[in-house]
């Protein structure tokens, strides 16, 4: 459809709402509930040209304002439509931090979807330079050191607005010391997201 993307190449809000419905449909059917979408609606959505773009996607589930599951992919190896379907199921049933979602929880769960830009390596000289180059509220951040790595979506800045704390928590998530970012040994990449949330 011609109106599935705006002039910046982003998805329209209408298409975002349809992706949220798709994610909820996938989870609801898996827990034994009645899905929201007909097979025809799913087929129509899957054929949307904008959703055939290969982009990283994340699906986040929240319950009573608290995280209930979050799984995604940073790499652009699959179409947005396929990534949202897969990550909805993974966030609900395969996030090792949480028990699998149950049918009686579905009314309390809010679904969020993030569509990622391709990550770009952030060159920096030292800890102060890294802090200066990060854009709170805009950049998602990936850190890597050897086999260890982790990411925070841009939405995490809402809970952790200070860059020093943001990086410290991200290092802990990657199973590094909280001050590992100060040593200048991390590979850092940044990305941005288009974000959709159920009302």
C-alpha atoms as a PDB file:
ATOM      1  CA  UNK A   1       0.000   0.000   0.000  1.00  0.00           C
ATOM      2  CA  UNK A   2       1.272   3.461  -0.874  1.00  0.00           C
ATOM      3  CA  UNK A   3       0.532   4.917   2.574  1.00  0.00           C
ATOM      4  CA  UNK A   4       2.323   2.224   4.571  1.00  0.00           C
ATOM      5  CA  UNK A   5       5.405   4.443   4.976  1.00  0.00           C
ATOM      6  CA  UNK A   6       5.766   8.161   5.518  1.00  0.00           C
ATOM      7  CA  UNK A   7       8.222  10.391   3.659  1.00  0.00           C
ATOM      8  CA  UNK A   8      11.026   9.532   6.115  1.00  0.00           C
ATOM      9  CA  UNK A   9      10.732   5.830   5.347  1.00  0.00           C
ATOM     10  CA  UNK A  10       9.101   5.155   8.712  1.00  0.00           C
ATOM     11  CA  UNK A  11       6.023   2.988   9.111  1.00  0.00           C
ATOM     12  CA  UNK A  12       2.678   4.754   9.435  1.00  0.00           C
ATOM     13  CA  UNK A  13       0.900   4.770  12.798  1.00  0.00           C
ATOM     14  CA  UNK A  14      -1.840   2.628  11.246  1.00  0.00           C
ATOM     15  CA  UNK A  15       0.679  -0.033  10.243  1.00  0.00           C
ATOM     16  CA  UNK A  16       2.184   0.171  13.730  1.00  0.00           C
ATOM     17  CA  UNK A  17      -1.216  -0.566  15.247  1.00  0.00           C
ATOM     18  CA  UNK A  18      -1.612  -3.535  12.924  1.00  0.00           C
ATOM     19  CA  UNK A  19       1.789  -4.886  14.012  1.00  0.00           C
ATOM     20  CA  UNK A  20       0.746  -4.543  17.668  1.00  0.00           C
ATOM     21  CA  UNK A  21      -2.431  -6.493  16.866  1.00  0.00           C
ATOM     22  CA  UNK A  22      -0.307  -9.151  15.150  1.00  0.00           C
ATOM     23  CA  UNK A  23       1.974  -9.514  18.184  1.00  0.00           C
ATOM     24  CA  UNK A  24      -1.008  -9.827  20.549  1.00  0.00           C
ATOM     25  CA  UNK A  25      -2.662 -12.314  18.176  1.00  0.00           C
ATOM     26  CA  UNK A  26       0.441 -14.558  18.131  1.00  0.00           C
ATOM     27  CA  UNK A  27       0.686 -14.623  21.937  1.00  0.00           C
ATOM     28  CA  UNK A  28      -3.067 -15.017  22.553  1.00  0.00           C
ATOM     29  CA  UNK A  29      -3.376 -17.969  20.183  1.00  0.00           C
ATOM     30  CA  UNK A  30      -0.353 -19.659  21.768  1.00  0.00           C
ATOM     31  CA  UNK A  31      -1.892 -19.475  25.271  1.00  0.00           C
ATOM     32  CA  UNK A  32      -5.182 -20.918  24.005  1.00  0.00           C
ATOM     33  CA  UNK A  33      -7.180 -17.748  23.560  1.00  0.00           C
ATOM     34  CA  UNK A  34      -9.047 -16.519  20.498  1.00  0.00           C
ATOM     35  CA  UNK A  35      -6.792 -14.624  18.108  1.00  0.00           C
ATOM     36  CA  UNK A  36      -7.650 -11.079  17.061  1.00  0.00           C
ATOM     37  CA  UNK A  37      -6.894 -11.402  13.360  1.00  0.00           C
ATOM     38  CA  UNK A  38      -8.369 -13.521  10.582  1.00  0.00           C
ATOM     39  CA  UNK A  39      -6.081 -15.549   8.305  1.00  0.00           C
ATOM     40  CA  UNK A  40      -6.953 -13.089   5.536  1.00  0.00           C
ATOM     41  CA  UNK A  41      -5.861 -10.112   7.658  1.00  0.00           C
ATOM     42  CA  UNK A  42      -2.545 -11.831   8.455  1.00  0.00           C
ATOM     43  CA  UNK A  43      -1.943 -12.630   4.793  1.00  0.00           C
ATOM     44  CA  UNK A  44      -2.722  -9.032   3.834  1.00  0.00           C
ATOM     45  CA  UNK A  45      -0.363  -7.686   6.497  1.00  0.00           C
ATOM     46  CA  UNK A  46       2.418 -10.065   5.467  1.00  0.00           C
ATOM     47  CA  UNK A  47       2.236  -8.749   1.914  1.00  0.00           C
ATOM     48  CA  UNK A  48       2.711  -5.097   2.953  1.00  0.00           C
ATOM     49  CA  UNK A  49       5.804  -3.930   1.118  1.00  0.00           C
ATOM     50  CA  UNK A  50       6.951  -1.761   4.041  1.00  0.00           C
ATOM     51  CA  UNK A  51       6.938  -4.824   6.327  1.00  0.00           C
ATOM     52  CA  UNK A  52       9.236  -6.711   3.948  1.00  0.00           C
ATOM     53  CA  UNK A  53      12.112  -4.372   4.876  1.00  0.00           C
ATOM     54  CA  UNK A  54      14.827  -6.276   6.706  1.00  0.00           C
ATOM     55  CA  UNK A  55      15.245  -4.533  10.037  1.00  0.00           C
ATOM     56  CA  UNK A  56      16.024  -5.416  13.622  1.00  0.00           C
ATOM     57  CA  UNK A  57      12.903  -5.646  15.803  1.00  0.00           C
ATOM     58  CA  UNK A  58      12.146  -5.918  19.516  1.00  0.00           C
ATOM     59  CA  UNK A  59       8.893  -6.877  21.227  1.00  0.00           C
ATOM     60  CA  UNK A  60       8.498  -5.775  24.849  1.00  0.00           C
ATOM     61  CA  UNK A  61       5.719  -6.882  27.197  1.00  0.00           C
ATOM     62  CA  UNK A  62       4.767  -4.894  30.276  1.00  0.00           C
ATOM     63  CA  UNK A  63       2.356  -5.783  33.068  1.00  0.00           C
ATOM     64  CA  UNK A  64       1.277  -3.173  35.622  1.00  0.00           C
ATOM     65  CA  UNK A  65       4.091  -0.946  34.408  1.00  0.00           C
ATOM     66  CA  UNK A  66       6.735  -3.612  35.000  1.00  0.00           C
ATOM     67  CA  UNK A  67       8.741  -5.535  32.412  1.00  0.00           C
ATOM     68  CA  UNK A  68       7.142  -8.937  31.662  1.00  0.00           C
ATOM     69  CA  UNK A  69       9.352  -9.998  28.736  1.00  0.00           C
ATOM     70  CA  UNK A  70      11.552  -8.482  26.050  1.00  0.00           C
ATOM     71  CA  UNK A  71      13.237 -10.249  23.152  1.00  0.00           C
ATOM     72  CA  UNK A  72      14.503  -8.939  19.868  1.00  0.00           C
ATOM     73  CA  UNK A  73      17.123  -8.987  17.187  1.00  0.00           C
ATOM     74  CA  UNK A  74      19.605  -6.230  16.417  1.00  0.00           C
ATOM     75  CA  UNK A  75      20.560  -7.573  13.011  1.00  0.00           C
ATOM     76  CA  UNK A  76      18.528  -6.934   9.879  1.00  0.00           C
ATOM     77  CA  UNK A  77      18.356 -10.580   8.770  1.00  0.00           C
ATOM     78  CA  UNK A  78      14.576 -10.916   8.465  1.00  0.00           C
ATOM     79  CA  UNK A  79      11.557  -8.920   7.358  1.00  0.00           C
ATOM     80  CA  UNK A  80       9.821  -6.703   9.935  1.00  0.00           C
ATOM     81  CA  UNK A  81       6.645  -8.830   9.703  1.00  0.00           C
ATOM     82  CA  UNK A  82       8.549 -12.060  10.461  1.00  0.00           C
ATOM     83  CA  UNK A  83      10.655 -10.468  13.194  1.00  0.00           C
ATOM     84  CA  UNK A  84       7.630  -9.129  15.064  1.00  0.00           C
ATOM     85  CA  UNK A  85       5.884 -12.513  14.925  1.00  0.00           C
ATOM     86  CA  UNK A  86       8.943 -14.396  16.134  1.00  0.00           C
ATOM     87  CA  UNK A  87       9.916 -11.923  18.833  1.00  0.00           C
ATOM     88  CA  UNK A  88       6.356 -11.668  20.173  1.00  0.00           C
ATOM     89  CA  UNK A  89       6.405 -15.399  20.825  1.00  0.00           C
ATOM     90  CA  UNK A  90       9.926 -15.298  22.238  1.00  0.00           C
ATOM     91  CA  UNK A  91       9.174 -12.356  24.559  1.00  0.00           C
ATOM     92  CA  UNK A  92       6.095 -14.138  25.932  1.00  0.00           C
ATOM     93  CA  UNK A  93       7.516 -17.642  26.287  1.00  0.00           C
ATOM     94  CA  UNK A  94      11.309 -17.687  25.988  1.00  0.00           C
ATOM     95  CA  UNK A  95      12.632 -14.771  28.052  1.00  0.00           C
ATOM     96  CA  UNK A  96      14.607 -16.705  30.673  1.00  0.00           C
ATOM     97  CA  UNK A  97      14.028 -13.944  33.260  1.00  0.00           C
ATOM     98  CA  UNK A  98      10.283 -14.659  33.410  1.00  0.00           C
ATOM     99  CA  UNK A  99       7.836 -17.549  33.515  1.00  0.00           C
ATOM    100  CA  UNK A 100       5.813 -18.059  30.312  1.00  0.00           C
ATOM    101  CA  UNK A 101       2.829 -15.748  29.875  1.00  0.00           C
ATOM    102  CA  UNK A 102      -0.539 -17.266  30.799  1.00  0.00           C
ATOM    103  CA  UNK A 103      -3.960 -16.633  29.236  1.00  0.00           C
ATOM    104  CA  UNK A 104      -5.355 -14.945  32.363  1.00  0.00           C
ATOM    105  CA  UNK A 105      -2.601 -12.309  32.181  1.00  0.00           C
ATOM    106  CA  UNK A 106      -3.351 -11.132  28.667  1.00  0.00           C
ATOM    107  CA  UNK A 107      -5.838  -8.440  29.712  1.00  0.00           C
ATOM    108  CA  UNK A 108      -3.154  -6.798  31.881  1.00  0.00           C
ATOM    109  CA  UNK A 109      -0.296  -6.987  29.372  1.00  0.00           C
ATOM    110  CA  UNK A 110       0.711  -4.048  27.197  1.00  0.00           C
ATOM    111  CA  UNK A 111       2.634  -4.840  23.993  1.00  0.00           C
ATOM    112  CA  UNK A 112       5.364  -2.542  22.668  1.00  0.00           C
ATOM    113  CA  UNK A 113       7.232  -2.880  19.360  1.00  0.00           C
ATOM    114  CA  UNK A 114      10.508  -1.235  18.369  1.00  0.00           C
ATOM    115  CA  UNK A 115      11.717  -1.116  14.752  1.00  0.00           C
ATOM    116  CA  UNK A 116      15.468  -0.481  14.675  1.00  0.00           C
ATOM    117  CA  UNK A 117      17.743   1.425  12.354  1.00  0.00           C
ATOM    118  CA  UNK A 118      20.954  -0.383  11.454  1.00  0.00           C
ATOM    119  CA  UNK A 119      23.458  -0.015  14.325  1.00  0.00           C
ATOM    120  CA  UNK A 120      26.447   2.251  13.688  1.00  0.00           C
ATOM    121  CA  UNK A 121      29.786   1.933  15.485  1.00  0.00           C
ATOM    122  CA  UNK A 122      30.397   4.913  17.775  1.00  0.00           C
ATOM    123  CA  UNK A 123      34.037   6.001  17.741  1.00  0.00           C
ATOM    124  CA  UNK A 124      35.146   7.519  21.066  1.00  0.00           C
ATOM    125  CA  UNK A 125      38.446   8.357  22.735  1.00  0.00           C
ATOM    126  CA  UNK A 126      37.727   7.878  26.434  1.00  0.00           C
ATOM    127  CA  UNK A 127      34.918   7.688  28.986  1.00  0.00           C
ATOM    128  CA  UNK A 128      34.229  11.440  28.903  1.00  0.00           C
ATOM    129  CA  UNK A 129      34.068  11.417  25.107  1.00  0.00           C
ATOM    130  CA  UNK A 130      31.678   8.446  25.172  1.00  0.00           C
ATOM    131  CA  UNK A 131      29.362  10.238  27.602  1.00  0.00           C
ATOM    132  CA  UNK A 132      29.458  13.366  25.445  1.00  0.00           C
ATOM    133  CA  UNK A 133      28.532  11.493  22.280  1.00  0.00           C
ATOM    134  CA  UNK A 134      25.562   9.547  23.628  1.00  0.00           C
ATOM    135  CA  UNK A 135      22.118  11.075  23.064  1.00  0.00           C
ATOM    136  CA  UNK A 136      19.820  10.190  25.992  1.00  0.00           C
ATOM    137  CA  UNK A 137      16.301   9.359  24.892  1.00  0.00           C
ATOM    138  CA  UNK A 138      17.375   8.997  21.246  1.00  0.00           C
ATOM    139  CA  UNK A 139      20.082   6.345  21.026  1.00  0.00           C
ATOM    140  CA  UNK A 140      19.782   2.673  21.761  1.00  0.00           C
ATOM    141  CA  UNK A 141      23.219   1.431  22.816  1.00  0.00           C
ATOM    142  CA  UNK A 142      25.029  -1.857  22.171  1.00  0.00           C
ATOM    143  CA  UNK A 143      28.231  -2.707  24.033  1.00  0.00           C
ATOM    144  CA  UNK A 144      30.566  -5.602  23.306  1.00  0.00           C
ATOM    145  CA  UNK A 145      33.763  -6.925  24.837  1.00  0.00           C
ATOM    146  CA  UNK A 146      34.967 -10.238  23.468  1.00  0.00           C
ATOM    147  CA  UNK A 147      32.103 -12.716  23.697  1.00  0.00           C
ATOM    148  CA  UNK A 148      30.099 -10.534  26.090  1.00  0.00           C
ATOM    149  CA  UNK A 149      27.565  -7.985  24.951  1.00  0.00           C
ATOM    150  CA  UNK A 150      24.235  -6.349  25.716  1.00  0.00           C
ATOM    151  CA  UNK A 151      21.882  -3.638  24.508  1.00  0.00           C
ATOM    152  CA  UNK A 152      19.388  -1.173  25.943  1.00  0.00           C
ATOM    153  CA  UNK A 153      16.627   0.254  23.757  1.00  0.00           C
ATOM    154  CA  UNK A 154      16.257   4.062  23.763  1.00  0.00           C
ATOM    155  CA  UNK A 155      13.173   3.686  25.985  1.00  0.00           C
ATOM    156  CA  UNK A 156      15.437   2.579  28.867  1.00  0.00           C
ATOM    157  CA  UNK A 157      16.646   6.188  29.195  1.00  0.00           C
ATOM    158  CA  UNK A 158      13.238   6.948  30.756  1.00  0.00           C
ATOM    159  CA  UNK A 159      14.143   4.760  33.748  1.00  0.00           C
ATOM    160  CA  UNK A 160      17.887   5.517  33.757  1.00  0.00           C
ATOM    161  CA  UNK A 161      18.377   9.089  32.473  1.00  0.00           C
ATOM    162  CA  UNK A 162      21.987   9.671  33.605  1.00  0.00           C
ATOM    163  CA  UNK A 163      24.460   8.392  30.958  1.00  0.00           C
ATOM    164  CA  UNK A 164      26.871   7.152  33.639  1.00  0.00           C
ATOM    165  CA  UNK A 165      24.150   5.040  35.263  1.00  0.00           C
ATOM    166  CA  UNK A 166      22.798   3.908  31.883  1.00  0.00           C
ATOM    167  CA  UNK A 167      26.226   2.596  30.858  1.00  0.00           C
ATOM    168  CA  UNK A 168      26.837   1.054  34.274  1.00  0.00           C
ATOM    169  CA  UNK A 169      23.578  -0.915  34.158  1.00  0.00           C
ATOM    170  CA  UNK A 170      24.273  -1.927  30.555  1.00  0.00           C
ATOM    171  CA  UNK A 171      27.708  -3.268  31.541  1.00  0.00           C
ATOM    172  CA  UNK A 172      26.126  -5.316  34.333  1.00  0.00           C
ATOM    173  CA  UNK A 173      23.585  -6.692  31.844  1.00  0.00           C
ATOM    174  CA  UNK A 174      26.544  -7.803  29.691  1.00  0.00           C
ATOM    175  CA  UNK A 175      28.054  -9.514  32.780  1.00  0.00           C
ATOM    176  CA  UNK A 176      30.867  -6.964  32.948  1.00  0.00           C
ATOM    177  CA  UNK A 177      31.790  -4.781  35.913  1.00  0.00           C
ATOM    178  CA  UNK A 178      29.615  -1.674  36.207  1.00  0.00           C
ATOM    179  CA  UNK A 179      32.607   0.593  35.488  1.00  0.00           C
ATOM    180  CA  UNK A 180      33.889  -1.360  32.452  1.00  0.00           C
ATOM    181  CA  UNK A 181      32.744   1.504  30.209  1.00  0.00           C
ATOM    182  CA  UNK A 182      35.242   3.834  31.910  1.00  0.00           C
ATOM    183  CA  UNK A 183      38.219   1.801  30.688  1.00  0.00           C
ATOM    184  CA  UNK A 184      37.742   2.582  26.990  1.00  0.00           C
ATOM    185  CA  UNK A 185      37.872  -1.081  25.973  1.00  0.00           C
ATOM    186  CA  UNK A 186      34.291  -1.569  24.834  1.00  0.00           C
ATOM    187  CA  UNK A 187      33.033  -1.632  21.276  1.00  0.00           C
ATOM    188  CA  UNK A 188      30.024   0.669  21.315  1.00  0.00           C
ATOM    189  CA  UNK A 189      27.327   0.971  18.643  1.00  0.00           C
ATOM    190  CA  UNK A 190      24.183   3.079  18.573  1.00  0.00           C
ATOM    191  CA  UNK A 191      20.854   2.841  16.790  1.00  0.00           C
ATOM    192  CA  UNK A 192      17.473   4.558  16.858  1.00  0.00           C
ATOM    193  CA  UNK A 193      13.986   3.084  16.899  1.00  0.00           C
ATOM    194  CA  UNK A 194      10.492   3.733  15.686  1.00  0.00           C
ATOM    195  CA  UNK A 195       8.331   2.785  18.623  1.00  0.00           C
ATOM    196  CA  UNK A 196       4.718   1.626  18.862  1.00  0.00           C
ATOM    197  CA  UNK A 197       2.783   0.910  22.075  1.00  0.00           C
ATOM    198  CA  UNK A 198      -0.726  -0.349  22.751  1.00  0.00           C
ATOM    199  CA  UNK A 199      -3.035   2.235  24.288  1.00  0.00           C
END
